[in-house]
Amino acid sequence: MLKLRLKRCGRKHHPSYRIVMINSTTRRDGYVIEELGFYDPISKKIRININSITTRLKQGAQPSETVKNLLLKAQIISIK
């Protein structure tokens, strides 16, 4: 199953994350199929490739809870 989840990058004590599409059995920082966005929790910046994310969601990729909350905040998906 393909998942949309966060991949950690950045310095020690200054995390930043990439929103990636990855196989659900792969480790957190493992092989990535596609990078779809960026999230910096310290400065609260979010950059999202909207077209790619909506395409992947329509193809059946499941977002993690954190990514789902980010997509709700950016109004890309809605609560059903």
N, C-alpha and C. Protein backbone atom coordinates (compact mmCIF):
# COMPACT_ATOMS: atom_id res chain seq x y z
N MET A 1 0.85 -1.17 0.00
CA MET A 1 0.00 0.00 0.00
C MET A 1 0.89 1.24 0.00
N LEU A 2 0.50 2.22 -0.78
CA LEU A 2 1.25 3.47 -0.84
C LEU A 2 0.69 4.46 0.16
N LYS A 3 1.59 5.17 0.84
CA LYS A 3 1.19 6.13 1.87
C LYS A 3 1.83 7.48 1.59
N LEU A 4 1.13 8.52 1.99
CA LEU A 4 1.70 9.86 2.01
C LEU A 4 2.10 10.12 3.45
N ARG A 5 3.39 10.32 3.68
CA ARG A 5 3.84 10.55 5.05
C ARG A 5 5.05 11.46 5.05
N LEU A 6 5.55 11.77 6.25
CA LEU A 6 6.65 12.72 6.39
C LEU A 6 7.99 12.00 6.45
N LYS A 7 8.99 12.61 5.82
CA LYS A 7 10.37 12.14 5.88
C LYS A 7 11.18 13.24 6.54
N ARG A 8 11.87 12.91 7.61
CA ARG A 8 12.61 13.92 8.36
C ARG A 8 13.90 14.30 7.63
N CYS A 9 14.17 15.60 7.64
CA CYS A 9 15.44 16.13 7.15
C CYS A 9 15.74 17.35 8.00
N GLY A 10 16.86 17.97 7.81
CA GLY A 10 17.20 19.13 8.62
C GLY A 10 18.23 18.79 9.67
N ARG A 11 18.60 19.82 10.45
CA ARG A 11 19.64 19.68 11.46
C ARG A 11 19.10 19.07 12.75
N LYS A 12 20.02 18.78 13.63
CA LYS A 12 19.69 18.32 14.97
C LYS A 12 18.99 19.46 15.71
N HIS A 13 17.89 19.18 16.37
CA HIS A 13 17.08 20.14 17.11
C HIS A 13 16.44 21.21 16.22
N HIS A 14 16.49 21.05 14.92
CA HIS A 14 15.82 21.94 13.98
C HIS A 14 15.25 21.09 12.84
N PRO A 15 14.19 20.35 13.13
CA PRO A 15 13.68 19.43 12.11
C PRO A 15 12.92 20.15 11.01
N SER A 16 12.94 19.57 9.85
CA SER A 16 12.05 19.93 8.76
C SER A 16 11.67 18.61 8.09
N TYR A 17 10.57 18.61 7.42
CA TYR A 17 10.05 17.37 6.87
C TYR A 17 9.67 17.55 5.42
N ARG A 18 9.80 16.48 4.65
CA ARG A 18 9.32 16.43 3.28
C ARG A 18 8.09 15.54 3.27
N ILE A 19 7.08 15.95 2.53
CA ILE A 19 5.89 15.13 2.35
C ILE A 19 6.18 14.24 1.15
N VAL A 20 6.17 12.93 1.37
CA VAL A 20 6.59 12.00 0.34
C VAL A 20 5.55 10.89 0.15
N MET A 21 5.58 10.28 -1.03
CA MET A 21 4.82 9.07 -1.28
C MET A 21 5.80 7.92 -1.16
N ILE A 22 5.45 6.93 -0.32
CA ILE A 22 6.38 5.87 0.01
C ILE A 22 5.57 4.59 0.25
N ASN A 23 6.21 3.46 0.09
CA ASN A 23 5.57 2.19 0.41
C ASN A 23 5.37 2.11 1.92
N SER A 24 4.26 1.56 2.37
CA SER A 24 3.94 1.57 3.80
C SER A 24 4.89 0.71 4.63
N THR A 25 5.57 -0.24 4.02
CA THR A 25 6.49 -1.10 4.78
C THR A 25 7.91 -0.56 4.82
N THR A 26 8.18 0.53 4.13
CA THR A 26 9.51 1.13 4.08
C THR A 26 9.75 1.96 5.33
N ARG A 27 11.00 1.99 5.82
CA ARG A 27 11.32 2.79 7.00
C ARG A 27 11.14 4.28 6.71
N ARG A 28 11.14 5.09 7.76
CA ARG A 28 10.80 6.51 7.65
C ARG A 28 11.65 7.25 6.62
N ASP A 29 12.95 7.07 6.66
CA ASP A 29 13.84 7.79 5.75
C ASP A 29 14.32 6.90 4.61
N GLY A 30 13.54 5.91 4.25
CA GLY A 30 13.93 4.96 3.21
C GLY A 30 13.67 5.47 1.80
N TYR A 31 13.58 4.52 0.87
CA TYR A 31 13.40 4.82 -0.54
C TYR A 31 12.07 5.53 -0.78
N VAL A 32 12.11 6.67 -1.45
CA VAL A 32 10.94 7.50 -1.72
C VAL A 32 10.54 7.35 -3.18
N ILE A 33 9.25 7.19 -3.43
CA ILE A 33 8.75 7.11 -4.80
C ILE A 33 8.63 8.51 -5.40
N GLU A 34 8.09 9.46 -4.61
CA GLU A 34 7.93 10.83 -5.11
C GLU A 34 7.86 11.80 -3.94
N GLU A 35 8.51 12.95 -4.08
CA GLU A 35 8.42 14.02 -3.09
C GLU A 35 7.31 14.98 -3.52
N LEU A 36 6.41 15.27 -2.59
CA LEU A 36 5.22 16.04 -2.92
C LEU A 36 5.12 17.38 -2.21
N GLY A 37 5.99 17.63 -1.25
CA GLY A 37 5.90 18.90 -0.54
C GLY A 37 6.93 19.01 0.56
N PHE A 38 6.79 20.07 1.36
CA PHE A 38 7.75 20.40 2.40
C PHE A 38 7.01 21.01 3.57
N TYR A 39 7.45 20.69 4.80
CA TYR A 39 6.83 21.25 6.01
C TYR A 39 7.92 21.57 7.01
N ASP A 40 7.91 22.82 7.50
CA ASP A 40 8.84 23.26 8.53
C ASP A 40 8.02 23.61 9.77
N PRO A 41 8.05 22.76 10.82
CA PRO A 41 7.21 23.00 11.99
C PRO A 41 7.65 24.18 12.84
N ILE A 42 8.88 24.62 12.73
CA ILE A 42 9.36 25.73 13.54
C ILE A 42 8.86 27.07 12.99
N SER A 43 9.00 27.26 11.69
CA SER A 43 8.51 28.50 11.08
C SER A 43 7.10 28.36 10.52
N LYS A 44 6.50 27.19 10.64
CA LYS A 44 5.13 26.89 10.20
C LYS A 44 4.94 27.07 8.69
N LYS A 45 5.99 26.85 7.90
CA LYS A 45 5.89 26.96 6.45
C LYS A 45 5.48 25.61 5.86
N ILE A 46 4.55 25.68 4.92
CA ILE A 46 4.10 24.48 4.22
C ILE A 46 4.13 24.78 2.73
N ARG A 47 4.83 23.94 1.97
CA ARG A 47 4.82 24.02 0.51
C ARG A 47 4.30 22.68 0.00
N ILE A 48 3.24 22.71 -0.78
CA ILE A 48 2.61 21.48 -1.24
C ILE A 48 2.39 21.55 -2.74
N ASN A 49 2.72 20.46 -3.44
CA ASN A 49 2.43 20.34 -4.86
C ASN A 49 1.00 19.80 -4.96
N ILE A 50 0.04 20.69 -5.12
CA ILE A 50 -1.37 20.35 -5.03
C ILE A 50 -1.77 19.36 -6.12
N ASN A 51 -1.31 19.58 -7.35
CA ASN A 51 -1.71 18.69 -8.45
C ASN A 51 -1.25 17.26 -8.22
N SER A 52 -0.02 17.09 -7.78
CA SER A 52 0.52 15.75 -7.55
C SER A 52 -0.19 15.05 -6.39
N ILE A 53 -0.47 15.80 -5.33
CA ILE A 53 -1.12 15.19 -4.17
C ILE A 53 -2.54 14.76 -4.51
N THR A 54 -3.29 15.60 -5.19
CA THR A 54 -4.66 15.21 -5.54
C THR A 54 -4.67 14.02 -6.49
N THR A 55 -3.70 13.97 -7.41
CA THR A 55 -3.60 12.83 -8.31
C THR A 55 -3.30 11.55 -7.54
N ARG A 56 -2.37 11.60 -6.61
CA ARG A 56 -2.00 10.42 -5.84
C ARG A 56 -3.12 9.97 -4.92
N LEU A 57 -3.86 10.91 -4.35
CA LEU A 57 -5.00 10.54 -3.50
C LEU A 57 -6.09 9.86 -4.32
N LYS A 58 -6.32 10.34 -5.54
CA LYS A 58 -7.31 9.70 -6.42
C LYS A 58 -6.87 8.30 -6.84
N GLN A 59 -5.55 8.07 -6.91
CA GLN A 59 -5.03 6.76 -7.28
C GLN A 59 -5.06 5.78 -6.11
N GLY A 60 -5.37 6.26 -4.90
CA GLY A 60 -5.54 5.37 -3.77
C GLY A 60 -4.49 5.46 -2.69
N ALA A 61 -3.57 6.40 -2.76
CA ALA A 61 -2.57 6.56 -1.70
C ALA A 61 -3.25 7.08 -0.43
N GLN A 62 -2.88 6.54 0.72
CA GLN A 62 -3.49 6.90 1.99
C GLN A 62 -2.56 7.84 2.77
N PRO A 63 -3.05 9.00 3.21
CA PRO A 63 -2.19 9.91 4.00
C PRO A 63 -2.10 9.45 5.45
N SER A 64 -0.97 9.72 6.08
CA SER A 64 -0.83 9.47 7.52
C SER A 64 -1.65 10.53 8.24
N GLU A 65 -1.83 10.37 9.54
CA GLU A 65 -2.64 11.32 10.31
C GLU A 65 -2.06 12.73 10.25
N THR A 66 -0.74 12.86 10.36
CA THR A 66 -0.11 14.18 10.34
C THR A 66 -0.25 14.83 8.97
N VAL A 67 -0.02 14.06 7.92
CA VAL A 67 -0.16 14.61 6.57
C VAL A 67 -1.62 14.96 6.31
N LYS A 68 -2.54 14.15 6.79
CA LYS A 68 -3.96 14.44 6.62
C LYS A 68 -4.31 15.78 7.29
N ASN A 69 -3.78 16.02 8.49
CA ASN A 69 -4.02 17.29 9.18
C ASN A 69 -3.43 18.47 8.41
N LEU A 70 -2.24 18.28 7.81
CA LEU A 70 -1.64 19.35 7.01
C LEU A 70 -2.48 19.64 5.77
N LEU A 71 -3.01 18.59 5.13
CA LEU A 71 -3.84 18.78 3.95
C LEU A 71 -5.17 19.44 4.30
N LEU A 72 -5.72 19.11 5.46
CA LEU A 72 -6.92 19.79 5.93
C LEU A 72 -6.67 21.25 6.19
N LYS A 73 -5.53 21.56 6.79
CA LYS A 73 -5.16 22.94 7.11
C LYS A 73 -4.96 23.75 5.82
N ALA A 74 -4.40 23.11 4.77
CA ALA A 74 -4.20 23.79 3.49
C ALA A 74 -5.44 23.74 2.62
N GLN A 75 -6.52 23.13 3.11
CA GLN A 75 -7.80 23.02 2.43
C GLN A 75 -7.70 22.28 1.09
N ILE A 76 -6.86 21.27 1.05
CA ILE A 76 -6.75 20.43 -0.13
C ILE A 76 -7.77 19.30 -0.07
N ILE A 77 -8.01 18.77 1.11
CA ILE A 77 -9.04 17.77 1.31
C ILE A 77 -10.03 18.32 2.34
N SER A 78 -11.20 17.70 2.40
CA SER A 78 -12.19 18.13 3.37
C SER A 78 -12.63 16.94 4.20
N ILE A 79 -13.20 17.20 5.35
CA ILE A 79 -13.67 16.15 6.23
C ILE A 79 -14.98 15.61 5.66
N LYS A 80 -15.06 14.28 5.58
CA LYS A 80 -16.27 13.66 5.03
C LYS A 80 -17.04 12.99 6.11
